[in-house]
Amino acid sequence: MRMVNLSRIDLNLLVVLQAIVAEGGVSRAAEKLNLTQPAVSHALARLRDTLGDPLFSRQGRRLVPTGLTKRLIEPLNQSLQSLSVLLDRGRRFDPARSRADFVVAVRDPTEVLLLPALVGQLARAPGINFRTVQVRRRALEASLADGTVDAALDVPLPLSDSVRRRRLGADSFVIVVRKGHPAVRPGVSLATYIRQEHVMVTSRRKGPGAEDMELGQRGLRRRVRLRCRNYMSAFHAVAESDLVLTMTQRYVALLGEGLPLRVLKMPLRMPALDLCLYWHDRFDDDPANRWLRDVIASAFR
């Protein structure tokens, strides 16, 4: 028998061969596979041509396997069963037994809130590794599409419909000042707020914050005296000065203890800021990605 090129064999043809042997004929095999009889006959003809063997001989109304088919059928049954089990396992994800490396794109302050929840999952998922990265927003969709990033956390972004999103919650704005600030006290007015010098936490080198855009719509402008990249730096700067920090309520948990700071209501009515979880449509039904999304969502619940 000539050597068979595996790249020429359609897996469906082997499934047809298995069914014909099990059912003893083309008609019953067609019923089992929910195919037409001509479709099964055509598949059998293709497989005969590929293997260079008739595969069956007719004895009355029954098809009898040839010697090649008899030698093939047992290992074929085992192989198809193993493949079925393998594919079934691929559709399930058991964090206690599976191995996976997840990459989550997240901004610095959100990372501080997310990591404790992720670390809590590591004890129950010994084969799972997490890595957080920061991805430029204009490159985020491509990173989600090619699997470089499994999921992302960010504010609402103008991404295409191929990127799925899940709103994790809305957050209001507050201001943080040092205790004993000479001008900013509970019930502070917008006019007093504007007259202060401010610190702004941002990863961008320049550009306004959400509060600046809201002020601009009212023809108002504040002076940002200090820009920094993380809230811990901003907290210490505020504690040692009369600077005012504007931030979302969710990050107040980062304040901790030991700093002489107080949190006050924002004197400017602003829309709540949503936090969204992003992933690509290609991985929407992936069990591992779905588990990761559930873990992240539970961290902000």
C-alpha atoms as a PDB file:
ATOM      1  CA  MET A   1       0.000   0.000   0.000  1.00  0.00           C
ATOM      2  CA  ARG A   2       1.277   3.464  -0.870  1.00  0.00           C
ATOM      3  CA  MET A   3       2.220   5.935   1.859  1.00  0.00           C
ATOM      4  CA  VAL A   4      -0.726   8.178   2.751  1.00  0.00           C
ATOM      5  CA  ASN A   5      -0.253  11.930   3.045  1.00  0.00           C
ATOM      6  CA  LEU A   6      -2.082  12.842   6.267  1.00  0.00           C
ATOM      7  CA  SER A   7      -2.651  16.387   5.063  1.00  0.00           C
ATOM      8  CA  ARG A   8      -5.002  14.949   2.419  1.00  0.00           C
ATOM      9  CA  ILE A   9      -7.283  13.184   4.904  1.00  0.00           C
ATOM     10  CA  ASP A  10     -10.440  14.899   6.044  1.00  0.00           C
ATOM     11  CA  LEU A  11     -11.247  13.923   9.634  1.00  0.00           C
ATOM     12  CA  ASN A  12     -14.923  13.744   8.697  1.00  0.00           C
ATOM     13  CA  LEU A  13     -14.140  10.859   6.335  1.00  0.00           C
ATOM     14  CA  LEU A  14     -12.766   8.809   9.209  1.00  0.00           C
ATOM     15  CA  VAL A  15     -15.911   9.499  11.225  1.00  0.00           C
ATOM     16  CA  VAL A  16     -17.951   8.181   8.278  1.00  0.00           C
ATOM     17  CA  LEU A  17     -15.782   5.049   8.109  1.00  0.00           C
ATOM     18  CA  GLN A  18     -16.299   4.454  11.823  1.00  0.00           C
ATOM     19  CA  ALA A  19     -20.080   4.806  11.446  1.00  0.00           C
ATOM     20  CA  ILE A  20     -20.314   2.431   8.453  1.00  0.00           C
ATOM     21  CA  VAL A  21     -18.399  -0.258  10.340  1.00  0.00           C
ATOM     22  CA  ALA A  22     -20.530   0.215  13.459  1.00  0.00           C
ATOM     23  CA  GLU A  23     -23.861   0.260  11.594  1.00  0.00           C
ATOM     24  CA  GLY A  24     -23.007  -2.296   8.902  1.00  0.00           C
ATOM     25  CA  GLY A  25     -24.130  -0.188   5.960  1.00  0.00           C
ATOM     26  CA  VAL A  26     -24.295   3.215   4.309  1.00  0.00           C
ATOM     27  CA  SER A  27     -27.994   3.871   4.949  1.00  0.00           C
ATOM     28  CA  ARG A  28     -27.845   3.238   8.692  1.00  0.00           C
ATOM     29  CA  ALA A  29     -24.577   5.178   8.948  1.00  0.00           C
ATOM     30  CA  ALA A  30     -26.274   8.126   7.217  1.00  0.00           C
ATOM     31  CA  GLU A  31     -29.108   8.007   9.771  1.00  0.00           C
ATOM     32  CA  LYS A  32     -26.651   7.914  12.675  1.00  0.00           C
ATOM     33  CA  LEU A  33     -24.647  10.848  11.320  1.00  0.00           C
ATOM     34  CA  ASN A  34     -27.770  12.764  10.273  1.00  0.00           C
ATOM     35  CA  LEU A  35     -26.505  12.911   6.684  1.00  0.00           C
ATOM     36  CA  THR A  36     -28.016  11.903   3.348  1.00  0.00           C
ATOM     37  CA  GLN A  37     -27.103   8.525   1.904  1.00  0.00           C
ATOM     38  CA  PRO A  38     -25.442  10.101  -1.177  1.00  0.00           C
ATOM     39  CA  ALA A  39     -23.269  12.249   1.117  1.00  0.00           C
ATOM     40  CA  VAL A  40     -22.061   9.165   3.004  1.00  0.00           C
ATOM     41  CA  SER A  41     -21.460   7.275  -0.252  1.00  0.00           C
ATOM     42  CA  HIS A  42     -19.465  10.220  -1.611  1.00  0.00           C
ATOM     43  CA  ALA A  43     -17.384  10.376   1.578  1.00  0.00           C
ATOM     44  CA  LEU A  44     -16.669   6.654   1.363  1.00  0.00           C
ATOM     45  CA  ALA A  45     -15.598   7.026  -2.288  1.00  0.00           C
ATOM     46  CA  ARG A  46     -13.191   9.827  -1.332  1.00  0.00           C
ATOM     47  CA  LEU A  47     -11.677   7.772   1.465  1.00  0.00           C
ATOM     48  CA  ARG A  48     -11.287   4.738  -0.847  1.00  0.00           C
ATOM     49  CA  ASP A  49      -9.437   6.933  -3.305  1.00  0.00           C
ATOM     50  CA  THR A  50      -7.238   8.426  -0.597  1.00  0.00           C
ATOM     51  CA  LEU A  51      -6.298   5.077   0.978  1.00  0.00           C
ATOM     52  CA  GLY A  52      -6.154   3.086  -2.274  1.00  0.00           C
ATOM     53  CA  ASP A  53      -8.368   0.319  -0.862  1.00  0.00           C
ATOM     54  CA  PRO A  54     -12.052  -0.602  -1.366  1.00  0.00           C
ATOM     55  CA  LEU A  55     -12.460  -0.687   2.457  1.00  0.00           C
ATOM     56  CA  PHE A  56     -15.632  -2.782   2.171  1.00  0.00           C
ATOM     57  CA  SER A  57     -16.928  -5.634   0.046  1.00  0.00           C
ATOM     58  CA  ARG A  58     -20.628  -6.339  -0.364  1.00  0.00           C
ATOM     59  CA  GLN A  59     -22.086  -9.592   0.892  1.00  0.00           C
ATOM     60  CA  GLY A  60     -25.794  -9.546   0.226  1.00  0.00           C
ATOM     61  CA  ARG A  61     -27.193  -6.364   1.751  1.00  0.00           C
ATOM     62  CA  ARG A  62     -24.298  -5.920   4.180  1.00  0.00           C
ATOM     63  CA  LEU A  63     -20.930  -4.224   3.728  1.00  0.00           C
ATOM     64  CA  VAL A  64     -18.080  -6.323   5.074  1.00  0.00           C
ATOM     65  CA  PRO A  65     -14.820  -4.600   6.071  1.00  0.00           C
ATOM     66  CA  THR A  66     -11.694  -5.447   4.118  1.00  0.00           C
ATOM     67  CA  GLY A  67      -8.492  -6.466   5.873  1.00  0.00           C
ATOM     68  CA  LEU A  68      -7.257  -2.853   5.934  1.00  0.00           C
ATOM     69  CA  THR A  69     -10.492  -1.608   7.493  1.00  0.00           C
ATOM     70  CA  LYS A  70     -10.320  -4.348  10.161  1.00  0.00           C
ATOM     71  CA  ARG A  71      -6.781  -3.282  11.030  1.00  0.00           C
ATOM     72  CA  LEU A  72      -7.731   0.398  11.083  1.00  0.00           C
ATOM     73  CA  ILE A  73     -10.986   0.395  12.993  1.00  0.00           C
ATOM     74  CA  GLU A  74      -9.783  -0.369  16.539  1.00  0.00           C
ATOM     75  CA  PRO A  75      -6.979   2.248  16.609  1.00  0.00           C
ATOM     76  CA  LEU A  76      -9.328   4.644  14.778  1.00  0.00           C
ATOM     77  CA  ASN A  77     -11.994   4.245  17.476  1.00  0.00           C
ATOM     78  CA  GLN A  78      -9.406   4.847  20.173  1.00  0.00           C
ATOM     79  CA  SER A  79      -7.978   7.873  18.384  1.00  0.00           C
ATOM     80  CA  LEU A  80     -11.371   9.498  17.771  1.00  0.00           C
ATOM     81  CA  GLN A  81     -12.354   8.877  21.391  1.00  0.00           C
ATOM     82  CA  SER A  82      -9.096  10.444  22.618  1.00  0.00           C
ATOM     83  CA  LEU A  83      -9.618  13.412  20.329  1.00  0.00           C
ATOM     84  CA  SER A  84     -13.180  13.841  21.598  1.00  0.00           C
ATOM     85  CA  VAL A  85     -11.964  13.842  25.211  1.00  0.00           C
ATOM     86  CA  LEU A  86      -9.199  16.309  24.342  1.00  0.00           C
ATOM     87  CA  LEU A  87     -11.605  18.694  22.647  1.00  0.00           C
ATOM     88  CA  ASP A  88     -14.052  18.417  25.534  1.00  0.00           C
ATOM     89  CA  ARG A  89     -11.308  19.295  28.005  1.00  0.00           C
ATOM     90  CA  GLY A  90     -10.408  22.265  25.845  1.00  0.00           C
ATOM     91  CA  ARG A  91     -13.929  23.606  26.301  1.00  0.00           C
ATOM     92  CA  ARG A  92     -13.652  23.477  30.099  1.00  0.00           C
ATOM     93  CA  PHE A  93     -11.444  25.382  32.493  1.00  0.00           C
ATOM     94  CA  ASP A  94     -10.749  24.171  36.010  1.00  0.00           C
ATOM     95  CA  PRO A  95      -8.643  26.816  37.810  1.00  0.00           C
ATOM     96  CA  ALA A  96      -7.612  24.271  40.426  1.00  0.00           C
ATOM     97  CA  ARG A  97      -6.046  22.014  37.774  1.00  0.00           C
ATOM     98  CA  SER A  98      -5.462  24.088  34.665  1.00  0.00           C
ATOM     99  CA  ARG A  99      -2.286  25.936  33.770  1.00  0.00           C
ATOM    100  CA  ALA A 100      -2.508  29.407  32.266  1.00  0.00           C
ATOM    101  CA  ASP A 101      -0.729  32.759  32.121  1.00  0.00           C
ATOM    102  CA  PHE A 102      -3.059  35.757  32.079  1.00  0.00           C
ATOM    103  CA  VAL A 103      -2.086  39.296  31.080  1.00  0.00           C
ATOM    104  CA  VAL A 104      -4.327  42.160  32.204  1.00  0.00           C
ATOM    105  CA  ALA A 105      -3.878  45.737  30.987  1.00  0.00           C
ATOM    106  CA  VAL A 106      -4.627  48.133  33.823  1.00  0.00           C
ATOM    107  CA  ARG A 107      -3.813  51.659  34.960  1.00  0.00           C
ATOM    108  CA  ASP A 108      -1.639  52.143  38.045  1.00  0.00           C
ATOM    109  CA  PRO A 109      -4.304  53.096  40.614  1.00  0.00           C
ATOM    110  CA  THR A 110      -6.707  50.382  39.478  1.00  0.00           C
ATOM    111  CA  GLU A 111      -3.923  47.836  39.805  1.00  0.00           C
ATOM    112  CA  VAL A 112      -3.748  48.498  43.548  1.00  0.00           C
ATOM    113  CA  LEU A 113      -7.421  47.591  43.894  1.00  0.00           C
ATOM    114  CA  LEU A 114      -7.254  44.608  41.535  1.00  0.00           C
ATOM    115  CA  LEU A 115      -4.178  42.747  42.747  1.00  0.00           C
ATOM    116  CA  PRO A 116      -5.442  41.720  46.192  1.00  0.00           C
ATOM    117  CA  ALA A 117      -8.375  39.934  44.549  1.00  0.00           C
ATOM    118  CA  LEU A 118      -6.130  38.255  41.968  1.00  0.00           C
ATOM    119  CA  VAL A 119      -3.640  37.161  44.606  1.00  0.00           C
ATOM    120  CA  GLY A 120      -6.521  35.671  46.548  1.00  0.00           C
ATOM    121  CA  GLN A 121      -7.236  33.427  43.547  1.00  0.00           C
ATOM    122  CA  LEU A 122      -3.637  32.148  43.346  1.00  0.00           C
ATOM    123  CA  ALA A 123      -4.045  29.987  46.438  1.00  0.00           C
ATOM    124  CA  ARG A 124      -6.954  28.177  44.771  1.00  0.00           C
ATOM    125  CA  ALA A 125      -5.337  28.073  41.332  1.00  0.00           C
ATOM    126  CA  PRO A 126      -1.725  26.834  41.691  1.00  0.00           C
ATOM    127  CA  GLY A 127      -1.178  26.591  37.927  1.00  0.00           C
ATOM    128  CA  ILE A 128      -2.385  30.134  37.160  1.00  0.00           C
ATOM    129  CA  ASN A 129      -0.041  33.108  36.749  1.00  0.00           C
ATOM    130  CA  PHE A 130      -1.096  36.761  36.460  1.00  0.00           C
ATOM    131  CA  ARG A 131       0.783  39.668  34.934  1.00  0.00           C
ATOM    132  CA  THR A 132      -0.392  43.267  34.756  1.00  0.00           C
ATOM    133  CA  VAL A 133       0.841  45.626  32.055  1.00  0.00           C
ATOM    134  CA  GLN A 134       0.098  49.130  30.875  1.00  0.00           C
ATOM    135  CA  VAL A 135      -0.897  49.450  27.221  1.00  0.00           C
ATOM    136  CA  ARG A 136      -1.381  52.686  25.339  1.00  0.00           C
ATOM    137  CA  ARG A 137      -5.038  53.196  24.666  1.00  0.00           C
ATOM    138  CA  ARG A 138      -4.563  53.484  20.917  1.00  0.00           C
ATOM    139  CA  ALA A 139      -2.893  50.044  20.913  1.00  0.00           C
ATOM    140  CA  LEU A 140      -5.338  48.358  23.271  1.00  0.00           C
ATOM    141  CA  GLU A 141      -7.725  46.939  20.679  1.00  0.00           C
ATOM    142  CA  ALA A 142      -4.904  45.326  18.693  1.00  0.00           C
ATOM    143  CA  SER A 143      -3.434  43.838  21.876  1.00  0.00           C
ATOM    144  CA  LEU A 144      -6.783  42.318  22.818  1.00  0.00           C
ATOM    145  CA  ALA A 145      -7.327  40.991  19.284  1.00  0.00           C
ATOM    146  CA  ASP A 146      -3.990  39.179  18.993  1.00  0.00           C
ATOM    147  CA  GLY A 147      -4.151  37.779  22.523  1.00  0.00           C
ATOM    148  CA  THR A 148      -1.170  39.760  23.807  1.00  0.00           C
ATOM    149  CA  VAL A 149      -3.568  41.029  26.469  1.00  0.00           C
ATOM    150  CA  ASP A 150      -6.375  38.817  27.794  1.00  0.00           C
ATOM    151  CA  ALA A 151      -8.452  41.592  29.376  1.00  0.00           C
ATOM    152  CA  ALA A 152      -8.221  45.285  30.186  1.00  0.00           C
ATOM    153  CA  LEU A 153      -9.603  47.688  32.770  1.00  0.00           C
ATOM    154  CA  ASP A 154     -10.129  51.326  31.842  1.00  0.00           C
ATOM    155  CA  VAL A 155     -12.590  54.169  31.564  1.00  0.00           C
ATOM    156  CA  PRO A 156     -15.091  54.113  28.649  1.00  0.00           C
ATOM    157  CA  LEU A 157     -13.114  54.069  25.398  1.00  0.00           C
ATOM    158  CA  PRO A 158     -14.174  54.463  21.734  1.00  0.00           C
ATOM    159  CA  LEU A 159     -13.322  50.918  20.622  1.00  0.00           C
ATOM    160  CA  SER A 160     -14.914  48.926  17.794  1.00  0.00           C
ATOM    161  CA  ASP A 161     -17.757  46.432  18.196  1.00  0.00           C
ATOM    162  CA  SER A 162     -15.246  43.555  18.094  1.00  0.00           C
ATOM    163  CA  VAL A 163     -14.185  44.528  21.607  1.00  0.00           C
ATOM    164  CA  ARG A 164     -16.670  43.463  24.243  1.00  0.00           C
ATOM    165  CA  ARG A 165     -17.108  45.469  27.427  1.00  0.00           C
ATOM    166  CA  ARG A 166     -18.677  45.045  30.837  1.00  0.00           C
ATOM    167  CA  ARG A 167     -19.440  47.983  33.095  1.00  0.00           C
ATOM    168  CA  LEU A 168     -18.058  47.256  36.557  1.00  0.00           C
ATOM    169  CA  GLY A 169     -19.461  50.338  38.245  1.00  0.00           C
ATOM    170  CA  ALA A 170     -19.718  54.101  38.285  1.00  0.00           C
ATOM    171  CA  ASP A 171     -17.726  56.366  40.559  1.00  0.00           C
ATOM    172  CA  SER A 172     -18.233  59.896  41.812  1.00  0.00           C
ATOM    173  CA  PHE A 173     -15.546  62.531  42.358  1.00  0.00           C
ATOM    174  CA  VAL A 174     -14.244  63.798  45.698  1.00  0.00           C
ATOM    175  CA  ILE A 175     -11.430  66.100  46.773  1.00  0.00           C
ATOM    176  CA  VAL A 176      -8.630  65.362  49.227  1.00  0.00           C
ATOM    177  CA  VAL A 177      -6.870  68.034  51.326  1.00  0.00           C
ATOM    178  CA  ARG A 178      -4.704  68.025  54.409  1.00  0.00           C
ATOM    179  CA  LYS A 179      -6.360  68.320  57.761  1.00  0.00           C
ATOM    180  CA  GLY A 180      -6.264  71.944  58.836  1.00  0.00           C
ATOM    181  CA  HIS A 181      -6.227  73.332  55.293  1.00  0.00           C
ATOM    182  CA  PRO A 182      -6.811  77.082  55.769  1.00  0.00           C
ATOM    183  CA  ALA A 183      -9.367  77.487  52.961  1.00  0.00           C
ATOM    184  CA  VAL A 184     -10.856  74.135  52.004  1.00  0.00           C
ATOM    185  CA  ARG A 185     -13.331  72.831  54.562  1.00  0.00           C
ATOM    186  CA  PRO A 186     -16.580  70.795  54.426  1.00  0.00           C
ATOM    187  CA  GLY A 187     -19.079  72.544  52.194  1.00  0.00           C
ATOM    188  CA  VAL A 188     -16.328  74.226  50.159  1.00  0.00           C
ATOM    189  CA  SER A 189     -17.652  76.396  47.332  1.00  0.00           C
ATOM    190  CA  LEU A 190     -16.732  76.098  43.689  1.00  0.00           C
ATOM    191  CA  ALA A 191     -15.179  79.579  43.806  1.00  0.00           C
ATOM    192  CA  THR A 192     -12.882  78.526  46.664  1.00  0.00           C
ATOM    193  CA  TYR A 193     -12.018  75.297  44.874  1.00  0.00           C
ATOM    194  CA  ILE A 194     -10.989  77.226  41.744  1.00  0.00           C
ATOM    195  CA  ARG A 195      -8.726  79.579  43.700  1.00  0.00           C
ATOM    196  CA  GLN A 196      -6.622  76.723  45.090  1.00  0.00           C
ATOM    197  CA  GLU A 197      -3.515  75.148  43.582  1.00  0.00           C
ATOM    198  CA  HIS A 198      -4.054  71.558  42.500  1.00  0.00           C
ATOM    199  CA  VAL A 199      -2.229  68.283  42.060  1.00  0.00           C
ATOM    200  CA  MET A 200      -3.298  65.982  39.230  1.00  0.00           C
ATOM    201  CA  VAL A 201      -2.627  62.247  38.975  1.00  0.00           C
ATOM    202  CA  THR A 202      -2.217  61.125  35.371  1.00  0.00           C
ATOM    203  CA  SER A 203      -0.016  58.953  33.187  1.00  0.00           C
ATOM    204  CA  ARG A 204      -0.158  61.565  30.406  1.00  0.00           C
ATOM    205  CA  ARG A 205       2.485  64.254  30.080  1.00  0.00           C
ATOM    206  CA  LYS A 206      -0.064  66.924  29.300  1.00  0.00           C
ATOM    207  CA  GLY A 207      -3.741  67.479  28.745  1.00  0.00           C
ATOM    208  CA  PRO A 208      -6.783  68.115  30.943  1.00  0.00           C
ATOM    209  CA  GLY A 209      -8.495  65.793  33.368  1.00  0.00           C
ATOM    210  CA  ALA A 210     -12.222  65.054  33.495  1.00  0.00           C
ATOM    211  CA  GLU A 211     -12.701  67.825  36.063  1.00  0.00           C
ATOM    212  CA  ASP A 212     -10.873  70.325  33.823  1.00  0.00           C
ATOM    213  CA  MET A 213     -13.182  69.571  30.903  1.00  0.00           C
ATOM    214  CA  GLU A 214     -16.213  69.984  33.143  1.00  0.00           C
ATOM    215  CA  LEU A 215     -14.860  73.308  34.416  1.00  0.00           C
ATOM    216  CA  GLY A 216     -14.129  74.414  30.862  1.00  0.00           C
ATOM    217  CA  GLN A 217     -17.790  73.950  29.905  1.00  0.00           C
ATOM    218  CA  ARG A 218     -18.568  76.538  32.575  1.00  0.00           C
ATOM    219  CA  GLY A 219     -15.834  78.912  31.404  1.00  0.00           C
ATOM    220  CA  LEU A 220     -13.734  78.094  34.461  1.00  0.00           C
ATOM    221  CA  ARG A 221     -10.141  76.995  34.848  1.00  0.00           C
ATOM    222  CA  ARG A 222      -8.027  75.784  37.753  1.00  0.00           C
ATOM    223  CA  ARG A 223      -4.262  75.893  38.190  1.00  0.00           C
ATOM    224  CA  VAL A 224      -2.576  72.483  38.226  1.00  0.00           C
ATOM    225  CA  ARG A 225       0.646  73.138  40.094  1.00  0.00           C
ATOM    226  CA  LEU A 226       1.824  69.519  40.186  1.00  0.00           C
ATOM    227  CA  ARG A 227       1.303  66.533  37.889  1.00  0.00           C
ATOM    228  CA  CYS A 228       2.356  63.084  39.090  1.00  0.00           C
ATOM    229  CA  ARG A 229       1.783  59.480  38.072  1.00  0.00           C
ATOM    230  CA  ASN A 230       0.431  57.761  41.180  1.00  0.00           C
ATOM    231  CA  TYR A 231      -1.844  58.500  44.071  1.00  0.00           C
ATOM    232  CA  MET A 232       0.586  57.611  46.839  1.00  0.00           C
ATOM    233  CA  SER A 233       2.888  60.395  45.670  1.00  0.00           C
ATOM    234  CA  ALA A 234      -0.052  62.774  45.429  1.00  0.00           C
ATOM    235  CA  PHE A 235      -1.271  61.880  48.944  1.00  0.00           C
ATOM    236  CA  HIS A 236       2.095  62.720  50.465  1.00  0.00           C
ATOM    237  CA  ALA A 237       2.328  65.942  48.470  1.00  0.00           C
ATOM    238  CA  VAL A 238      -1.122  67.005  49.672  1.00  0.00           C
ATOM    239  CA  ALA A 239      -0.319  66.067  53.274  1.00  0.00           C
ATOM    240  CA  GLU A 240       2.685  68.404  53.227  1.00  0.00           C
ATOM    241  CA  SER A 241       1.091  71.371  51.441  1.00  0.00           C
ATOM    242  CA  ASP A 242      -2.109  73.257  50.669  1.00  0.00           C
ATOM    243  CA  LEU A 243      -2.521  71.514  47.331  1.00  0.00           C
ATOM    244  CA  VAL A 244      -5.920  70.028  46.483  1.00  0.00           C
ATOM    245  CA  LEU A 245      -6.293  66.588  44.894  1.00  0.00           C
ATOM    246  CA  THR A 246      -9.389  65.644  42.862  1.00  0.00           C
ATOM    247  CA  MET A 247      -9.990  61.916  42.483  1.00  0.00           C
ATOM    248  CA  THR A 248     -12.704  59.289  42.160  1.00  0.00           C
ATOM    249  CA  GLN A 249     -14.262  57.811  45.270  1.00  0.00           C
ATOM    250  CA  ARG A 250     -13.071  54.261  44.558  1.00  0.00           C
ATOM    251  CA  TYR A 251      -9.435  55.211  45.120  1.00  0.00           C
ATOM    252  CA  VAL A 252     -10.047  56.690  48.559  1.00  0.00           C
ATOM    253  CA  ALA A 253      -9.342  53.166  49.810  1.00  0.00           C
ATOM    254  CA  LEU A 254      -5.711  53.771  48.864  1.00  0.00           C
ATOM    255  CA  LEU A 255      -5.359  56.511  51.468  1.00  0.00           C
ATOM    256  CA  GLY A 256      -4.576  54.102  54.249  1.00  0.00           C
ATOM    257  CA  GLU A 257      -3.733  55.383  57.683  1.00  0.00           C
ATOM    258  CA  GLY A 258      -1.085  57.693  59.013  1.00  0.00           C
ATOM    259  CA  LEU A 259      -1.506  60.668  56.688  1.00  0.00           C
ATOM    260  CA  PRO A 260      -3.332  63.776  57.976  1.00  0.00           C
ATOM    261  CA  LEU A 261      -5.809  63.930  55.100  1.00  0.00           C
ATOM    262  CA  ARG A 262      -9.544  64.448  54.797  1.00  0.00           C
ATOM    263  CA  VAL A 263     -11.961  63.605  51.989  1.00  0.00           C
ATOM    264  CA  LEU A 264     -14.587  66.195  51.039  1.00  0.00           C
ATOM    265  CA  LYS A 265     -17.481  66.377  48.643  1.00  0.00           C
ATOM    266  CA  MET A 266     -16.644  67.735  45.202  1.00  0.00           C
ATOM    267  CA  PRO A 267     -18.103  71.259  44.825  1.00  0.00           C
ATOM    268  CA  LEU A 268     -18.747  70.681  41.119  1.00  0.00           C
ATOM    269  CA  ARG A 269     -21.523  68.426  39.822  1.00  0.00           C
ATOM    270  CA  MET A 270     -19.853  65.958  37.459  1.00  0.00           C
ATOM    271  CA  PRO A 271     -21.020  62.849  35.600  1.00  0.00           C
ATOM    272  CA  ALA A 272     -20.054  59.599  37.314  1.00  0.00           C
ATOM    273  CA  LEU A 273     -16.987  57.926  35.804  1.00  0.00           C
ATOM    274  CA  ASP A 274     -17.509  54.343  34.690  1.00  0.00           C
ATOM    275  CA  LEU A 275     -14.930  51.597  35.033  1.00  0.00           C
ATOM    276  CA  CYS A 276     -15.124  49.017  32.222  1.00  0.00           C
ATOM    277  CA  LEU A 277     -13.736  45.557  31.664  1.00  0.00           C
ATOM    278  CA  TYR A 278     -12.686  44.903  28.040  1.00  0.00           C
ATOM    279  CA  TRP A 279     -11.985  41.701  26.098  1.00  0.00           C
ATOM    280  CA  HIS A 280     -12.015  40.743  22.431  1.00  0.00           C
ATOM    281  CA  ASP A 281     -14.945  39.021  20.762  1.00  0.00           C
ATOM    282  CA  ARG A 282     -12.631  36.179  19.652  1.00  0.00           C
ATOM    283  CA  PHE A 283     -12.282  35.089  23.278  1.00  0.00           C
ATOM    284  CA  ASP A 284     -15.855  35.701  24.406  1.00  0.00           C
ATOM    285  CA  ASP A 285     -16.677  31.973  24.664  1.00  0.00           C
ATOM    286  CA  ASP A 286     -13.232  30.887  25.851  1.00  0.00           C
ATOM    287  CA  PRO A 287     -13.671  29.207  29.285  1.00  0.00           C
ATOM    288  CA  ALA A 288     -10.330  30.460  30.613  1.00  0.00           C
ATOM    289  CA  ASN A 289     -11.004  34.042  29.557  1.00  0.00           C
ATOM    290  CA  ARG A 290     -14.523  33.844  30.980  1.00  0.00           C
ATOM    291  CA  TRP A 291     -13.103  32.709  34.346  1.00  0.00           C
ATOM    292  CA  LEU A 292     -10.620  35.600  34.319  1.00  0.00           C
ATOM    293  CA  ARG A 293     -13.407  38.101  33.602  1.00  0.00           C
ATOM    294  CA  ASP A 294     -15.488  36.744  36.470  1.00  0.00           C
ATOM    295  CA  VAL A 295     -12.542  37.024  38.867  1.00  0.00           C
ATOM    296  CA  ILE A 296     -11.913  40.633  37.843  1.00  0.00           C
ATOM    297  CA  ALA A 297     -15.576  41.550  38.089  1.00  0.00           C
ATOM    298  CA  SER A 298     -15.802  40.045  41.575  1.00  0.00           C
ATOM    299  CA  ALA A 299     -12.891  42.238  42.673  1.00  0.00           C
ATOM    300  CA  PHE A 300     -14.966  45.376  42.034  1.00  0.00           C
ATOM    301  CA  ARG A 301     -18.324  44.047  43.156  1.00  0.00           C
END
